């Protein structure tokens, strides 16, 4: 197992930046955690009736309380799946599935790479790409 310690630069789009890091470093499976802050947050939830993600946007500075998820393979490429919880200036917290369009203020990330390779396959019951275990 290998651990990667990262600092995402200010202004980067958080999710694609992590995905690119995983692809460049050939990380196929791992666990991801992080903290920091964002200038803009794009997050959402999965509408199980429509079987699609719904996006929400907060265009303000927010603290990242938790960033938690994983990387696995989907169609032979690294696929990063992250959930995020943030708090505003009043301390109110909210979160969901991290989506592209999240502008980083600063993020400190740890990726724990593992040897076992997990691959996502379409699941007809949920409409999601789930691990084939």
C-alpha atoms as a PDB file:
ATOM      1  CA  UNK A   1       0.000   0.000   0.000  1.00  0.00           C
ATOM      2  CA  UNK A   2       1.273   3.481  -0.919  1.00  0.00           C
ATOM      3  CA  UNK A   3       0.126   6.802   0.552  1.00  0.00           C
ATOM      4  CA  UNK A   4       0.010  10.009  -1.517  1.00  0.00           C
ATOM      5  CA  UNK A   5      -0.093  13.358   0.316  1.00  0.00           C
ATOM      6  CA  UNK A   6      -1.319  16.227  -1.884  1.00  0.00           C
ATOM      7  CA  UNK A   7      -2.090  19.902  -1.761  1.00  0.00           C
ATOM      8  CA  UNK A   8      -4.517  21.022  -4.438  1.00  0.00           C
ATOM      9  CA  UNK A   9      -3.588  24.522  -5.706  1.00  0.00           C
ATOM     10  CA  UNK A  10      -5.914  27.500  -5.261  1.00  0.00           C
ATOM     11  CA  UNK A  11      -8.379  27.924  -8.114  1.00  0.00           C
ATOM     12  CA  UNK A  12      -8.316  24.301  -9.318  1.00  0.00           C
ATOM     13  CA  UNK A  13     -11.510  22.362  -9.992  1.00  0.00           C
ATOM     14  CA  UNK A  14     -11.245  19.847  -7.141  1.00  0.00           C
ATOM     15  CA  UNK A  15     -12.743  16.652  -8.593  1.00  0.00           C
ATOM     16  CA  UNK A  16     -11.054  16.732 -12.040  1.00  0.00           C
ATOM     17  CA  UNK A  17      -7.747  17.679 -10.390  1.00  0.00           C
ATOM     18  CA  UNK A  18      -7.868  14.559  -8.169  1.00  0.00           C
ATOM     19  CA  UNK A  19      -8.982  12.418 -11.129  1.00  0.00           C
ATOM     20  CA  UNK A  20      -6.029  13.689 -13.205  1.00  0.00           C
ATOM     21  CA  UNK A  21      -3.606  12.984 -10.356  1.00  0.00           C
ATOM     22  CA  UNK A  22      -4.903   9.404 -10.101  1.00  0.00           C
ATOM     23  CA  UNK A  23      -4.629   8.880 -13.866  1.00  0.00           C
ATOM     24  CA  UNK A  24      -1.106  10.341 -14.086  1.00  0.00           C
ATOM     25  CA  UNK A  25       0.061   8.208 -11.151  1.00  0.00           C
ATOM     26  CA  UNK A  26      -1.761   5.062 -12.326  1.00  0.00           C
ATOM     27  CA  UNK A  27      -3.759   4.783  -9.088  1.00  0.00           C
ATOM     28  CA  UNK A  28      -6.371   2.109  -9.737  1.00  0.00           C
ATOM     29  CA  UNK A  29      -7.889   1.603  -6.276  1.00  0.00           C
ATOM     30  CA  UNK A  30      -7.634   3.625  -3.088  1.00  0.00           C
ATOM     31  CA  UNK A  31      -9.281   5.559  -0.277  1.00  0.00           C
ATOM     32  CA  UNK A  32      -9.384   9.350  -0.332  1.00  0.00           C
ATOM     33  CA  UNK A  33      -9.777  11.817   2.563  1.00  0.00           C
ATOM     34  CA  UNK A  34      -9.272  15.553   2.789  1.00  0.00           C
ATOM     35  CA  UNK A  35      -9.910  18.934   4.392  1.00  0.00           C
ATOM     36  CA  UNK A  36      -9.584  22.555   3.289  1.00  0.00           C
ATOM     37  CA  UNK A  37     -11.777  25.241   1.824  1.00  0.00           C
ATOM     38  CA  UNK A  38     -13.549  26.105  -1.409  1.00  0.00           C
ATOM     39  CA  UNK A  39     -14.526  29.378  -3.097  1.00  0.00           C
ATOM     40  CA  UNK A  40     -17.422  27.648  -4.890  1.00  0.00           C
ATOM     41  CA  UNK A  41     -18.985  24.253  -4.250  1.00  0.00           C
ATOM     42  CA  UNK A  42     -20.808  22.091  -6.776  1.00  0.00           C
ATOM     43  CA  UNK A  43     -22.335  19.054  -5.113  1.00  0.00           C
ATOM     44  CA  UNK A  44     -25.470  17.008  -5.343  1.00  0.00           C
ATOM     45  CA  UNK A  45     -27.452  13.919  -4.654  1.00  0.00           C
ATOM     46  CA  UNK A  46     -28.667  10.899  -6.565  1.00  0.00           C
ATOM     47  CA  UNK A  47     -32.384  11.010  -7.422  1.00  0.00           C
ATOM     48  CA  UNK A  48     -33.208   7.321  -7.157  1.00  0.00           C
ATOM     49  CA  UNK A  49     -36.546   7.681  -8.996  1.00  0.00           C
ATOM     50  CA  UNK A  50     -35.007   9.392 -12.055  1.00  0.00           C
ATOM     51  CA  UNK A  51     -31.707   7.474 -11.648  1.00  0.00           C
ATOM     52  CA  UNK A  52     -29.648  10.636 -12.162  1.00  0.00           C
ATOM     53  CA  UNK A  53     -27.596  13.116 -10.152  1.00  0.00           C
ATOM     54  CA  UNK A  54     -29.048  16.520  -9.294  1.00  0.00           C
ATOM     55  CA  UNK A  55     -26.533  19.381  -8.891  1.00  0.00           C
ATOM     56  CA  UNK A  56     -26.560  22.145  -6.299  1.00  0.00           C
ATOM     57  CA  UNK A  57     -24.170  25.129  -6.226  1.00  0.00           C
ATOM     58  CA  UNK A  58     -22.978  27.342  -3.358  1.00  0.00           C
ATOM     59  CA  UNK A  59     -20.981  30.303  -4.690  1.00  0.00           C
ATOM     60  CA  UNK A  60     -19.255  31.415  -1.474  1.00  0.00           C
ATOM     61  CA  UNK A  61     -16.269  30.542   0.700  1.00  0.00           C
ATOM     62  CA  UNK A  62     -16.882  27.330   2.654  1.00  0.00           C
ATOM     63  CA  UNK A  63     -14.765  25.190   4.966  1.00  0.00           C
ATOM     64  CA  UNK A  64     -14.378  21.538   3.924  1.00  0.00           C
ATOM     65  CA  UNK A  65     -15.211  19.590   7.068  1.00  0.00           C
ATOM     66  CA  UNK A  66     -14.813  16.205   5.408  1.00  0.00           C
ATOM     67  CA  UNK A  67     -13.933  14.926   1.979  1.00  0.00           C
ATOM     68  CA  UNK A  68     -14.276  11.168   1.852  1.00  0.00           C
ATOM     69  CA  UNK A  69     -14.428   8.544  -0.862  1.00  0.00           C
ATOM     70  CA  UNK A  70     -12.512   6.263  -3.150  1.00  0.00           C
ATOM     71  CA  UNK A  71     -10.934   5.667  -6.508  1.00  0.00           C
ATOM     72  CA  UNK A  72     -11.596   2.535  -8.551  1.00  0.00           C
ATOM     73  CA  UNK A  73     -11.654   1.627 -12.228  1.00  0.00           C
ATOM     74  CA  UNK A  74     -14.538   2.364 -14.555  1.00  0.00           C
ATOM     75  CA  UNK A  75     -14.163   1.478 -18.237  1.00  0.00           C
ATOM     76  CA  UNK A  76     -10.475   0.821 -17.535  1.00  0.00           C
ATOM     77  CA  UNK A  77      -9.770   4.351 -16.209  1.00  0.00           C
ATOM     78  CA  UNK A  78      -9.519   5.739 -12.652  1.00  0.00           C
ATOM     79  CA  UNK A  79     -12.932   6.874 -11.401  1.00  0.00           C
ATOM     80  CA  UNK A  80     -13.022   9.095  -8.314  1.00  0.00           C
ATOM     81  CA  UNK A  81     -16.160   8.985  -6.155  1.00  0.00           C
ATOM     82  CA  UNK A  82     -16.195  11.557  -3.346  1.00  0.00           C
ATOM     83  CA  UNK A  83     -18.651  12.924  -0.823  1.00  0.00           C
ATOM     84  CA  UNK A  84     -18.091  16.330   0.756  1.00  0.00           C
ATOM     85  CA  UNK A  85     -19.398  18.093   3.846  1.00  0.00           C
ATOM     86  CA  UNK A  86     -18.849  21.849   4.150  1.00  0.00           C
ATOM     87  CA  UNK A  87     -19.783  24.615   6.586  1.00  0.00           C
ATOM     88  CA  UNK A  88     -20.613  28.250   5.916  1.00  0.00           C
ATOM     89  CA  UNK A  89     -19.655  31.262   8.046  1.00  0.00           C
ATOM     90  CA  UNK A  90     -22.522  30.604  10.473  1.00  0.00           C
ATOM     91  CA  UNK A  91     -21.378  27.010  11.014  1.00  0.00           C
ATOM     92  CA  UNK A  92     -24.281  25.504   9.108  1.00  0.00           C
ATOM     93  CA  UNK A  93     -23.135  22.325   7.391  1.00  0.00           C
ATOM     94  CA  UNK A  94     -24.381  20.511   4.320  1.00  0.00           C
ATOM     95  CA  UNK A  95     -23.005  18.171   1.745  1.00  0.00           C
ATOM     96  CA  UNK A  96     -23.410  15.459  -0.819  1.00  0.00           C
ATOM     97  CA  UNK A  97     -21.710  13.992  -3.853  1.00  0.00           C
ATOM     98  CA  UNK A  98     -18.756  16.141  -5.038  1.00  0.00           C
ATOM     99  CA  UNK A  99     -19.172  17.264  -8.644  1.00  0.00           C
ATOM    100  CA  UNK A 100     -17.047  19.112 -11.192  1.00  0.00           C
ATOM    101  CA  UNK A 101     -17.248  22.878 -10.815  1.00  0.00           C
ATOM    102  CA  UNK A 102     -15.867  23.101  -7.261  1.00  0.00           C
ATOM    103  CA  UNK A 103     -13.257  25.872  -7.088  1.00  0.00           C
ATOM    104  CA  UNK A 104     -10.556  25.136  -4.525  1.00  0.00           C
ATOM    105  CA  UNK A 105      -9.299  27.723  -2.047  1.00  0.00           C
ATOM    106  CA  UNK A 106      -6.999  25.100  -0.532  1.00  0.00           C
ATOM    107  CA  UNK A 107      -7.303  21.353  -0.117  1.00  0.00           C
ATOM    108  CA  UNK A 108      -5.069  18.867   1.650  1.00  0.00           C
ATOM    109  CA  UNK A 109      -5.706  15.361   0.387  1.00  0.00           C
ATOM    110  CA  UNK A 110      -4.528  11.878   1.317  1.00  0.00           C
ATOM    111  CA  UNK A 111      -4.920   8.961  -1.082  1.00  0.00           C
ATOM    112  CA  UNK A 112      -4.186   5.521   0.325  1.00  0.00           C
ATOM    113  CA  UNK A 113      -3.535   3.309  -2.674  1.00  0.00           C
ATOM    114  CA  UNK A 114      -4.333  -0.399  -2.251  1.00  0.00           C
ATOM    115  CA  UNK A 115      -3.206  -3.440  -4.229  1.00  0.00           C
ATOM    116  CA  UNK A 116      -6.654  -4.958  -4.787  1.00  0.00           C
ATOM    117  CA  UNK A 117      -8.245  -3.665  -7.984  1.00  0.00           C
ATOM    118  CA  UNK A 118     -11.930  -2.781  -7.824  1.00  0.00           C
ATOM    119  CA  UNK A 119     -13.859  -2.115 -11.016  1.00  0.00           C
ATOM    120  CA  UNK A 120     -17.238  -0.406 -11.432  1.00  0.00           C
ATOM    121  CA  UNK A 121     -19.883  -2.026 -13.620  1.00  0.00           C
ATOM    122  CA  UNK A 122     -23.398  -0.806 -14.485  1.00  0.00           C
ATOM    123  CA  UNK A 123     -26.060  -1.955 -12.031  1.00  0.00           C
ATOM    124  CA  UNK A 124     -29.490  -2.217 -13.673  1.00  0.00           C
ATOM    125  CA  UNK A 125     -31.400  -2.088 -10.385  1.00  0.00           C
ATOM    126  CA  UNK A 126     -29.975   1.236  -9.146  1.00  0.00           C
ATOM    127  CA  UNK A 127     -28.740   2.830 -12.367  1.00  0.00           C
ATOM    128  CA  UNK A 128     -25.302   3.331 -10.802  1.00  0.00           C
ATOM    129  CA  UNK A 129     -21.833   2.092 -11.634  1.00  0.00           C
ATOM    130  CA  UNK A 130     -21.066  -0.126  -8.640  1.00  0.00           C
ATOM    131  CA  UNK A 131     -18.057  -2.151  -7.561  1.00  0.00           C
ATOM    132  CA  UNK A 132     -17.924  -5.657  -8.912  1.00  0.00           C
ATOM    133  CA  UNK A 133     -16.930  -7.606  -5.774  1.00  0.00           C
END
